[in-house]
PDB file of N, CA and C in Angstrom:
ATOM      1  N   MET A   1      -9.355  -0.738 -13.761  1.00  0.00           N
ATOM      2  CA  MET A   1      -8.724  -1.372 -12.444  1.00  0.00           C
ATOM      3  C   MET A   1      -6.624  -1.496 -12.883  1.00  0.00           C
ATOM      4  N   TRP A   2      -6.745  -1.331 -14.252  1.00  0.00           N
ATOM      5  CA  TRP A   2      -5.366  -1.459 -14.781  1.00  0.00           C
ATOM      6  C   TRP A   2      -4.666  -0.270 -14.621  1.00  0.00           C
ATOM      7  N   ASP A   3      -5.291   1.087 -14.459  1.00  0.00           N
ATOM      8  CA  ASP A   3      -4.554   2.043 -14.003  1.00  0.00           C
ATOM      9  C   ASP A   3      -4.362   2.065 -12.871  1.00  0.00           C
ATOM     10  N   LYS A   4      -4.757   1.673 -11.698  1.00  0.00           N
ATOM     11  CA  LYS A   4      -4.555   1.251 -10.452  1.00  0.00           C
ATOM     12  C   LYS A   4      -3.480   0.701 -10.399  1.00  0.00           C
ATOM     13  N   VAL A   5      -3.489  -0.451 -10.987  1.00  0.00           N
ATOM     14  CA  VAL A   5      -2.267  -1.218 -10.693  1.00  0.00           C
ATOM     15  C   VAL A   5      -0.834  -0.650 -11.625  1.00  0.00           C
ATOM     16  N   SER A   6      -0.900  -0.173 -12.617  1.00  0.00           N
ATOM     17  CA  SER A   6       0.044   0.706 -13.505  1.00  0.00           C
ATOM     18  C   SER A   6       0.781   1.538 -12.068  1.00  0.00           C
ATOM     19  N   PHE A   7      -0.362   2.324 -11.563  1.00  0.00           N
ATOM     20  CA  PHE A   7       0.135   3.317 -10.640  1.00  0.00           C
ATOM     21  C   PHE A   7       1.022   2.875  -9.428  1.00  0.00           C
ATOM     22  N   VAL A   8       0.388   1.470  -8.858  1.00  0.00           N
ATOM     23  CA  VAL A   8       1.003   1.124  -7.788  1.00  0.00           C
ATOM     24  C   VAL A   8       2.291   0.080  -7.999  1.00  0.00           C
ATOM     25  N   ARG A   9       2.570  -0.336  -9.382  1.00  0.00           N
ATOM     26  CA  ARG A   9       3.174  -0.629  -9.509  1.00  0.00           C
ATOM     27  C   ARG A   9       4.522   0.402 -10.251  1.00  0.00           C
ATOM     28  N   ARG A  10       4.203   1.678 -10.095  1.00  0.00           N
ATOM     29  CA  ARG A  10       5.265   2.649 -10.474  1.00  0.00           C
ATOM     30  C   ARG A  10       5.944   3.034  -9.374  1.00  0.00           C
ATOM     31  N   GLY A  11       5.380   2.686  -8.233  1.00  0.00           N
ATOM     32  CA  GLY A  11       6.387   3.517  -6.929  1.00  0.00           C
ATOM     33  C   GLY A  11       6.349   2.025  -6.239  1.00  0.00           C
ATOM     34  N   ARG A  12       7.723   1.515  -5.508  1.00  0.00           N
ATOM     35  CA  ARG A  12       7.871   0.623  -4.795  1.00  0.00           C
ATOM     36  C   ARG A  12       7.379   0.621  -3.411  1.00  0.00           C
ATOM     37  N   LEU A  13       7.494   1.786  -2.950  1.00  0.00           N
ATOM     38  CA  LEU A  13       7.202   1.906  -1.491  1.00  0.00           C
ATOM     39  C   LEU A  13       5.360   1.998  -1.354  1.00  0.00           C
ATOM     40  N   ARG A  14       4.604   1.798  -2.643  1.00  0.00           N
ATOM     41  CA  ARG A  14       3.019   2.008  -2.411  1.00  0.00           C
ATOM     42  C   ARG A  14       3.141   0.345  -2.530  1.00  0.00           C
ATOM     43  N   THR A  15       3.581  -0.432  -3.685  1.00  0.00           N
ATOM     44  CA  THR A  15       3.125  -2.315  -3.217  1.00  0.00           C
ATOM     45  C   THR A  15       3.962  -2.410  -1.992  1.00  0.00           C
ATOM     46  N   GLN A  16       4.647  -2.194  -1.178  1.00  0.00           N
ATOM     47  CA  GLN A  16       5.388  -2.646   0.207  1.00  0.00           C
ATOM     48  C   GLN A  16       3.973  -2.016   0.989  1.00  0.00           C
ATOM     49  N   ILE A  17       3.571  -0.642   0.983  1.00  0.00           N
ATOM     50  CA  ILE A  17       2.880  -0.295   1.943  1.00  0.00           C
ATOM     51  C   ILE A  17       1.230  -1.379   1.795  1.00  0.00           C
ATOM     52  N   LEU A  18       1.090  -1.798   0.693  1.00  0.00           N
ATOM     53  CA  LEU A  18      -0.163  -2.587   0.445  1.00  0.00           C
ATOM     54  C   LEU A  18      -0.129  -3.992   0.948  1.00  0.00           C
ATOM     55  N   GLU A  19       1.227  -4.353   0.859  1.00  0.00           N
ATOM     56  CA  GLU A  19       1.754  -5.488   1.122  1.00  0.00           C
ATOM     57  C   GLU A  19       1.332  -5.498   2.644  1.00  0.00           C
ATOM     58  N   ASN A  20       1.861  -4.232   3.485  1.00  0.00           N
ATOM     59  CA  ASN A  20       1.878  -4.614   5.050  1.00  0.00           C
ATOM     60  C   ASN A  20       0.358  -4.128   5.325  1.00  0.00           C
ATOM     61  N   LEU A  21      -0.655  -3.758   4.652  1.00  0.00           N
ATOM     62  CA  LEU A  21      -1.552  -3.336   5.278  1.00  0.00           C
ATOM     63  C   LEU A  21      -2.820  -4.378   5.049  1.00  0.00           C
ATOM     64  N   ILE A  22      -2.117  -5.463   4.962  1.00  0.00           N
ATOM     65  CA  ILE A  22      -2.808  -6.679   5.448  1.00  0.00           C
ATOM     66  C   ILE A  22      -3.967  -6.842   6.930  1.00  0.00           C
ATOM     67  N   ARG A  23      -2.653  -6.346   7.181  1.00  0.00           N
ATOM     68  CA  ARG A  23      -3.650  -6.025   8.837  1.00  0.00           C
ATOM     69  C   ARG A  23      -3.561  -4.791   9.286  1.00  0.00           C
ATOM     70  N   PRO A  24      -4.055  -4.142   9.986  1.00  0.00           N
ATOM     71  CA  PRO A  24      -4.136  -2.752  10.497  1.00  0.00           C
ATOM     72  C   PRO A  24      -2.688  -2.695  10.864  1.00  0.00           C
ATOM     73  N   ASN A  25      -2.381  -1.459  10.386  1.00  0.00           N
ATOM     74  CA  ASN A  25      -1.163  -0.598  10.745  1.00  0.00           C
ATOM     75  C   ASN A  25      -1.037   0.784  10.699  1.00  0.00           C
ATOM     76  N   ASN A  26       0.217   1.367  11.412  1.00  0.00           N
ATOM     77  CA  ASN A  26       0.054   3.067  11.408  1.00  0.00           C
ATOM     78  C   ASN A  26       1.181   3.652  10.535  1.00  0.00           C
ATOM     79  N   PRO A  27       1.287   4.814  10.435  1.00  0.00           N
ATOM     80  CA  PRO A  27       2.514   4.894   9.596  1.00  0.00           C
ATOM     81  C   PRO A  27       3.675   4.937  10.551  1.00  0.00           C
ATOM     82  N   THR A  28       3.850   5.203  11.711  1.00  0.00           N
ATOM     83  CA  THR A  28       5.010   5.194  12.335  1.00  0.00           C
ATOM     84  C   THR A  28       5.705   3.675  12.173  1.00  0.00           C
ATOM     85  N   ASP A  29       5.041   2.370  12.355  1.00  0.00           N
ATOM     86  CA  ASP A  29       5.371   1.205  12.348  1.00  0.00           C
ATOM     87  C   ASP A  29       5.593   1.036  11.575  1.00  0.00           C
ATOM     88  N   LEU A  30       5.147   1.627  10.269  1.00  0.00           N
ATOM     89  CA  LEU A  30       5.094   1.051   8.599  1.00  0.00           C
ATOM     90  C   LEU A  30       6.541   1.760   8.028  1.00  0.00           C
ATOM     91  N   ALA A  31       6.673   2.786   8.511  1.00  0.00           N
ATOM     92  CA  ALA A  31       8.131   3.684   8.128  1.00  0.00           C
ATOM     93  C   ALA A  31       9.165   2.680   9.288  1.00  0.00           C
ATOM     94  N   LYS A  32       9.198   2.430  10.307  1.00  0.00           N
ATOM     95  CA  LYS A  32      10.160   1.557  10.703  1.00  0.00           C
ATOM     96  C   LYS A  32      10.066   0.106  10.224  1.00  0.00           C
ATOM     97  N   ARG A  33       9.348  -0.658   9.186  1.00  0.00           N
ATOM     98  CA  ARG A  33       9.394  -2.057   8.742  1.00  0.00           C
ATOM     99  C   ARG A  33      10.131  -1.732   7.680  1.00  0.00           C
ATOM    100  N   LEU A  34       9.422  -0.474   6.904  1.00  0.00           N
ATOM    101  CA  LEU A  34      10.146  -0.414   5.293  1.00  0.00           C
ATOM    102  C   LEU A  34      11.290   0.368   5.296  1.00  0.00           C
ATOM    103  N   ASN A  35      12.108   1.023   6.675  1.00  0.00           N
ATOM    104  CA  ASN A  35      12.896   1.575   6.579  1.00  0.00           C
ATOM    105  C   ASN A  35      12.961   2.851   5.546  1.00  0.00           C
ATOM    106  N   SER A  36      11.948   3.396   6.123  1.00  0.00           N
ATOM    107  CA  SER A  36      11.489   4.740   5.175  1.00  0.00           C
ATOM    108  C   SER A  36      11.130   5.467   6.421  1.00  0.00           C
ATOM    109  N   HIS A  37      11.048   7.150   6.087  1.00  0.00           N
ATOM    110  CA  HIS A  37      10.505   7.907   7.030  1.00  0.00           C
ATOM    111  C   HIS A  37       8.936   8.460   6.866  1.00  0.00           C
ATOM    112  N   ARG A  38       9.058   8.773   8.060  1.00  0.00           N
ATOM    113  CA  ARG A  38       7.380   8.578   8.350  1.00  0.00           C
ATOM    114  C   ARG A  38       6.349   9.514   7.495  1.00  0.00           C
ATOM    115  N   PRO A  39       6.720  10.697   7.150  1.00  0.00           N
ATOM    116  CA  PRO A  39       6.075  11.323   6.278  1.00  0.00           C
ATOM    117  C   PRO A  39       6.040  10.959   4.906  1.00  0.00           C
ATOM    118  N   THR A  40       6.968  10.214   4.391  1.00  0.00           N
ATOM    119  CA  THR A  40       6.810   9.712   2.971  1.00  0.00           C
ATOM    120  C   THR A  40       6.097   8.510   3.250  1.00  0.00           C
ATOM    121  N   VAL A  41       5.989   7.757   3.854  1.00  0.00           N
ATOM    122  CA  VAL A  41       4.775   6.537   4.596  1.00  0.00           C
ATOM    123  C   VAL A  41       3.379   6.922   4.279  1.00  0.00           C
ATOM    124  N   SER A  42       3.420   8.776   5.297  1.00  0.00           N
ATOM    125  CA  SER A  42       1.753   9.096   5.332  1.00  0.00           C
ATOM    126  C   SER A  42       1.358   9.904   4.189  1.00  0.00           C
ATOM    127  N   GLN A  43       2.321  10.432   3.010  1.00  0.00           N
ATOM    128  CA  GLN A  43       2.390  10.931   2.007  1.00  0.00           C
ATOM    129  C   GLN A  43       1.831   9.724   1.057  1.00  0.00           C
ATOM    130  N   ALA A  44       2.177   9.033   1.229  1.00  0.00           N
ATOM    131  CA  ALA A  44       1.964   7.597   0.749  1.00  0.00           C
ATOM    132  C   ALA A  44       0.549   6.594   0.607  1.00  0.00           C
ATOM    133  N   ILE A  45       0.633   6.825   1.948  1.00  0.00           N
ATOM    134  CA  ILE A  45      -0.849   6.428   2.583  1.00  0.00           C
ATOM    135  C   ILE A  45      -1.974   7.160   1.780  1.00  0.00           C
ATOM    136  N   ALA A  46      -1.833   8.482   1.670  1.00  0.00           N
ATOM    137  CA  ALA A  46      -3.144   9.665   1.709  1.00  0.00           C
ATOM    138  C   ALA A  46      -3.158   9.212  -0.093  1.00  0.00           C
ATOM    139  N   VAL A  47      -1.918   9.344  -0.916  1.00  0.00           N
ATOM    140  CA  VAL A  47      -2.314   8.935  -2.224  1.00  0.00           C
ATOM    141  C   VAL A  47      -3.065   7.868  -2.510  1.00  0.00           C
ATOM    142  N   LEU A  48      -2.633   6.633  -1.569  1.00  0.00           N
ATOM    143  CA  LEU A  48      -3.482   5.331  -1.871  1.00  0.00           C
ATOM    144  C   LEU A  48      -4.641   5.194  -1.244  1.00  0.00           C
ATOM    145  N   MET A  49      -5.157   6.315  -0.524  1.00  0.00           N
ATOM    146  CA  MET A  49      -6.421   6.521  -0.061  1.00  0.00           C
ATOM    147  C   MET A  49      -7.211   7.177  -1.014  1.00  0.00           C
ATOM    148  N   ALA A  50      -6.592   8.057  -1.848  1.00  0.00           N
ATOM    149  CA  ALA A  50      -7.653   8.828  -3.022  1.00  0.00           C
ATOM    150  C   ALA A  50      -7.901   8.256  -3.894  1.00  0.00           C
ATOM    151  N   HIS A  51      -6.908   6.870  -4.108  1.00  0.00           N
ATOM    152  CA  HIS A  51      -7.265   6.126  -5.403  1.00  0.00           C
ATOM    153  C   HIS A  51      -8.077   5.021  -4.659  1.00  0.00           C
ATOM    154  N   ASN A  52      -8.758   5.034  -3.038  1.00  0.00           N
ATOM    155  CA  ASN A  52      -9.699   3.910  -2.602  1.00  0.00           C
ATOM    156  C   ASN A  52      -8.897   2.502  -2.635  1.00  0.00           C
ATOM    157  N   LEU A  53      -7.456   2.672  -2.205  1.00  0.00           N
ATOM    158  CA  LEU A  53      -6.375   1.149  -2.134  1.00  0.00           C
ATOM    159  C   LEU A  53      -6.325   1.137  -0.637  1.00  0.00           C
ATOM    160  N   VAL A  54      -6.428   2.361  -0.136  1.00  0.00           N
ATOM    161  CA  VAL A  54      -6.261   1.958   1.665  1.00  0.00           C
ATOM    162  C   VAL A  54      -7.548   2.849   2.303  1.00  0.00           C
ATOM    163  N   LYS A  55      -7.663   2.270   3.671  1.00  0.00           N
ATOM    164  CA  LYS A  55      -8.923   3.313   4.189  1.00  0.00           C
ATOM    165  C   LYS A  55      -8.495   3.102   5.580  1.00  0.00           C
ATOM    166  N   ARG A  56      -8.836   4.401   5.797  1.00  0.00           N
ATOM    167  CA  ARG A  56      -8.430   4.508   7.720  1.00  0.00           C
ATOM    168  C   ARG A  56      -9.654   4.357   8.595  1.00  0.00           C
ATOM    169  N   LEU A  57      -9.348   3.290   9.525  1.00  0.00           N
ATOM    170  CA  LEU A  57      -9.780   2.767  10.253  1.00  0.00           C
ATOM    171  C   LEU A  57     -10.584   3.585  11.203  1.00  0.00           C
ATOM    172  N   ASN A  58      -9.500   4.377  12.083  1.00  0.00           N
ATOM    173  CA  ASN A  58     -10.100   5.038  13.044  1.00  0.00           C
ATOM    174  C   ASN A  58     -10.109   6.705  12.796  1.00  0.00           C
ATOM    175  N   PRO A  59     -10.842   7.227  11.856  1.00  0.00           N
ATOM    176  CA  PRO A  59     -11.078   8.381  11.692  1.00  0.00           C
ATOM    177  C   PRO A  59     -11.142   9.656  12.269  1.00  0.00           C
ATOM    178  N   HIS A  60     -12.261   8.936  13.566  1.00  0.00           N
ATOM    179  CA  HIS A  60     -12.044  10.375  14.514  1.00  0.00           C
ATOM    180  C   HIS A  60     -10.605  10.214  15.540  1.00  0.00           C
ATOM    181  N   GLU A  61      -9.948   9.627  15.526  1.00  0.00           N
ATOM    182  CA  GLU A  61      -8.850   9.191  16.532  1.00  0.00           C
ATOM    183  C   GLU A  61      -7.603  10.251  15.763  1.00  0.00           C
ATOM    184  N   LYS A  62      -6.785  11.170  17.425  1.00  0.00           N
ATOM    185  CA  LYS A  62      -6.169  12.170  16.849  1.00  0.00           C
ATOM    186  C   LYS A  62      -4.719  11.742  16.942  1.00  0.00           C
ATOM    187  N   ASN A  63      -4.466  10.587  18.211  1.00  0.00           N
ATOM    188  CA  ASN A  63      -3.394  10.511  18.560  1.00  0.00           C
ATOM    189  C   ASN A  63      -2.861   9.497  17.431  1.00  0.00           C
ATOM    190  N   ILE A  64      -3.468   8.114  17.003  1.00  0.00           N
ATOM    191  CA  ILE A  64      -2.658   6.953  16.180  1.00  0.00           C
ATOM    192  C   ILE A  64      -3.824   6.453  15.136  1.00  0.00           C
ATOM    193  N   SER A  65      -3.141   7.039  13.965  1.00  0.00           N
ATOM    194  CA  SER A  65      -4.360   6.786  12.705  1.00  0.00           C
ATOM    195  C   SER A  65      -4.188   5.376  12.274  1.00  0.00           C
ATOM    196  N   LEU A  66      -4.870   4.349  11.865  1.00  0.00           N
ATOM    197  CA  LEU A  66      -5.026   3.122  11.843  1.00  0.00           C
ATOM    198  C   LEU A  66      -5.085   2.953  10.591  1.00  0.00           C
ATOM    199  N   TYR A  67      -4.622   2.304   9.368  1.00  0.00           N
ATOM    200  CA  TYR A  67      -4.834   1.772   8.048  1.00  0.00           C
ATOM    201  C   TYR A  67      -4.903   0.363   8.111  1.00  0.00           C
ATOM    202  N   GLU A  68      -6.000   0.351   6.541  1.00  0.00           N
ATOM    203  CA  GLU A  68      -5.738  -0.771   5.867  1.00  0.00           C
ATOM    204  C   GLU A  68      -6.662  -1.210   4.679  1.00  0.00           C
ATOM    205  N   ILE A  69      -6.005  -2.289   4.120  1.00  0.00           N
ATOM    206  CA  ILE A  69      -6.263  -2.071   2.317  1.00  0.00           C
ATOM    207  C   ILE A  69      -7.731  -2.682   2.411  1.00  0.00           C
ATOM    208  N   THR A  70      -8.165  -1.870   1.596  1.00  0.00           N
ATOM    209  CA  THR A  70      -9.223  -1.930   0.576  1.00  0.00           C
ATOM    210  C   THR A  70      -9.586  -3.283   0.183  1.00  0.00           C
ATOM    211  N   ALA A  71     -10.614  -3.521  -0.368  1.00  0.00           N
ATOM    212  CA  ALA A  71     -11.079  -4.854  -1.140  1.00  0.00           C
ATOM    213  C   ALA A  71     -10.725  -4.695  -2.948  1.00  0.00           C
ATOM    214  N   ASP A  72     -10.735  -3.223  -2.919  1.00  0.00           N
ATOM    215  CA  ASP A  72      -9.892  -2.639  -4.354  1.00  0.00           C
ATOM    216  C   ASP A  72      -8.492  -2.790  -4.163  1.00  0.00           C
ATOM    217  N   GLY A  73      -8.185  -2.902  -3.001  1.00  0.00           N
ATOM    218  CA  GLY A  73      -6.673  -2.629  -2.720  1.00  0.00           C
ATOM    219  C   GLY A  73      -6.258  -4.354  -2.954  1.00  0.00           C
ATOM    220  N   LEU A  74      -6.715  -4.760  -2.389  1.00  0.00           N
ATOM    221  CA  LEU A  74      -6.397  -6.289  -2.387  1.00  0.00           C
ATOM    222  C   LEU A  74      -6.493  -7.082  -3.744  1.00  0.00           C
ATOM    223  N   LYS A  75      -7.718  -6.673  -4.865  1.00  0.00           N
ATOM    224  CA  LYS A  75      -7.716  -6.747  -6.045  1.00  0.00           C
ATOM    225  C   LYS A  75      -6.095  -6.064  -6.923  1.00  0.00           C
ATOM    226  N   VAL A  76      -6.313  -5.138  -6.162  1.00  0.00           N
ATOM    227  CA  VAL A  76      -4.698  -4.491  -7.217  1.00  0.00           C
ATOM    228  C   VAL A  76      -3.596  -5.138  -6.879  1.00  0.00           C
ATOM    229  N   LEU A  77      -3.368  -5.402  -5.680  1.00  0.00           N
ATOM    230  CA  LEU A  77      -1.977  -5.788  -5.050  1.00  0.00           C
ATOM    231  C   LEU A  77      -1.832  -7.543  -5.321  1.00  0.00           C
ATOM    232  N   LYS A  78      -2.639  -8.110  -5.818  1.00  0.00           N
ATOM    233  CA  LYS A  78      -2.484  -9.635  -6.229  1.00  0.00           C
ATOM    234  C   LYS A  78      -2.394  -9.263  -7.771  1.00  0.00           C
ATOM    235  N   GLN A  79      -2.880  -8.536  -8.512  1.00  0.00           N
ATOM    236  CA  GLN A  79      -2.622  -8.026  -9.891  1.00  0.00           C
ATOM    237  C   GLN A  79      -1.078  -7.776 -10.052  1.00  0.00           C
ATOM    238  N   VAL A  80      -0.427  -6.794  -9.215  1.00  0.00           N
ATOM    239  CA  VAL A  80       0.820  -6.445  -8.795  1.00  0.00           C
ATOM    240  C   VAL A  80       1.549  -7.643  -8.896  1.00  0.00           C
ATOM    241  N   LYS A  81       1.439  -8.153  -7.655  1.00  0.00           N
ATOM    242  CA  LYS A  81       2.363  -9.975  -7.388  1.00  0.00           C
ATOM    243  C   LYS A  81       2.069 -10.369  -8.139  1.00  0.00           C
ATOM    244  N   GLY A  82       1.093 -10.808  -9.074  1.00  0.00           N
ATOM    245  CA  GLY A  82       0.936 -11.864 -10.478  1.00  0.00           C
ATOM    246  C   GLY A  82       2.037 -11.219 -11.416  1.00  0.00           C
ATOM    247  N   MET A  83       1.739 -10.230 -11.600  1.00  0.00           N
ATOM    248  CA  MET A  83       2.888  -9.632 -12.674  1.00  0.00           C
ATOM    249  C   MET A  83       4.289  -9.657 -12.244  1.00  0.00           C
ATOM    250  N   LYS A  84       4.397  -9.440 -11.348  1.00  0.00           N
ATOM    251  CA  LYS A  84       5.969  -9.556 -10.653  1.00  0.00           C
ATOM    252  C   LYS A  84       6.324 -11.070 -10.650  1.00  0.00           C
ATOM    253  N   GLU A  85       5.427 -12.206 -10.224  1.00  0.00           N
ATOM    254  CA  GLU A  85       5.926 -13.243 -10.510  1.00  0.00           C
ATOM    255  C   GLU A  85       6.414 -13.805 -11.902  1.00  0.00           C
ATOM    256  N   ARG A  86       5.337 -13.345 -12.863  1.00  0.00           N
ATOM    257  CA  ARG A  86       5.487 -13.467 -14.130  1.00  0.00           C
ATOM    258  C   ARG A  86       6.879 -12.960 -14.823  1.00  0.00           C
ATOM    259  N   PHE A  87       6.670 -11.771 -14.466  1.00  0.00           N
ATOM    260  CA  PHE A  87       8.387 -11.416 -14.966  1.00  0.00           C
ATOM    261  C   PHE A  87       9.643 -12.242 -14.229  1.00  0.00           C
ATOM    262  N   ALA A  88       9.679 -12.237 -13.246  1.00  0.00           N
ATOM    263  CA  ALA A  88      10.277 -12.968 -12.525  1.00  0.00           C
ATOM    264  C   ALA A  88      11.131 -14.505 -13.426  1.00  0.00           C
ATOM    265  N   ALA A  89       9.871 -15.239 -13.721  1.00  0.00           N
ATOM    266  CA  ALA A  89       9.807 -16.393 -14.379  1.00  0.00           C
ATOM    267  C   ALA A  89      10.158 -16.484 -15.995  1.00  0.00           C
ATOM    268  N   ASP A  90       9.892 -14.884 -16.340  1.00  0.00           N
ATOM    269  CA  ASP A  90      10.451 -15.020 -17.774  1.00  0.00           C
ATOM    270  C   ASP A  90      11.674 -14.827 -17.970  1.00  0.00           C
ATOM    271  N   SER A  91      12.178 -14.144 -16.786  1.00  0.00           N
ATOM    272  CA  SER A  91      13.526 -13.943 -16.812  1.00  0.00           C
ATOM    273  C   SER A  91      14.769 -14.830 -16.517  1.00  0.00           C
ATOM    274  N   ASP A  92      14.226 -15.787 -16.047  1.00  0.00           N
ATOM    275  CA  ASP A  92      14.932 -17.251 -16.074  1.00  0.00           C
ATOM    276  C   ASP A  92      15.509 -17.957 -17.155  1.00  0.00           C
TER     277      ASP A  92
END
């Protein structure tokens, strides 16, 4: 699991995507919310899917893809957030 935590921590956008996929969402809306480009968000989602951190909810739909964080993704996100909080407390 720690390799996945490290992987997510190395990319700020990956962390933001996981945080925003607590509820189902699509790449276009995520890109707007994260002030990023849709292809960049789509590529990051594909990599997160390859690590089993995100899943596509409607694989047969052609027009709008909906994604959500997986159980593994939630565990990783919890660790990432905990590390951020510890580092912030240590720097005070």
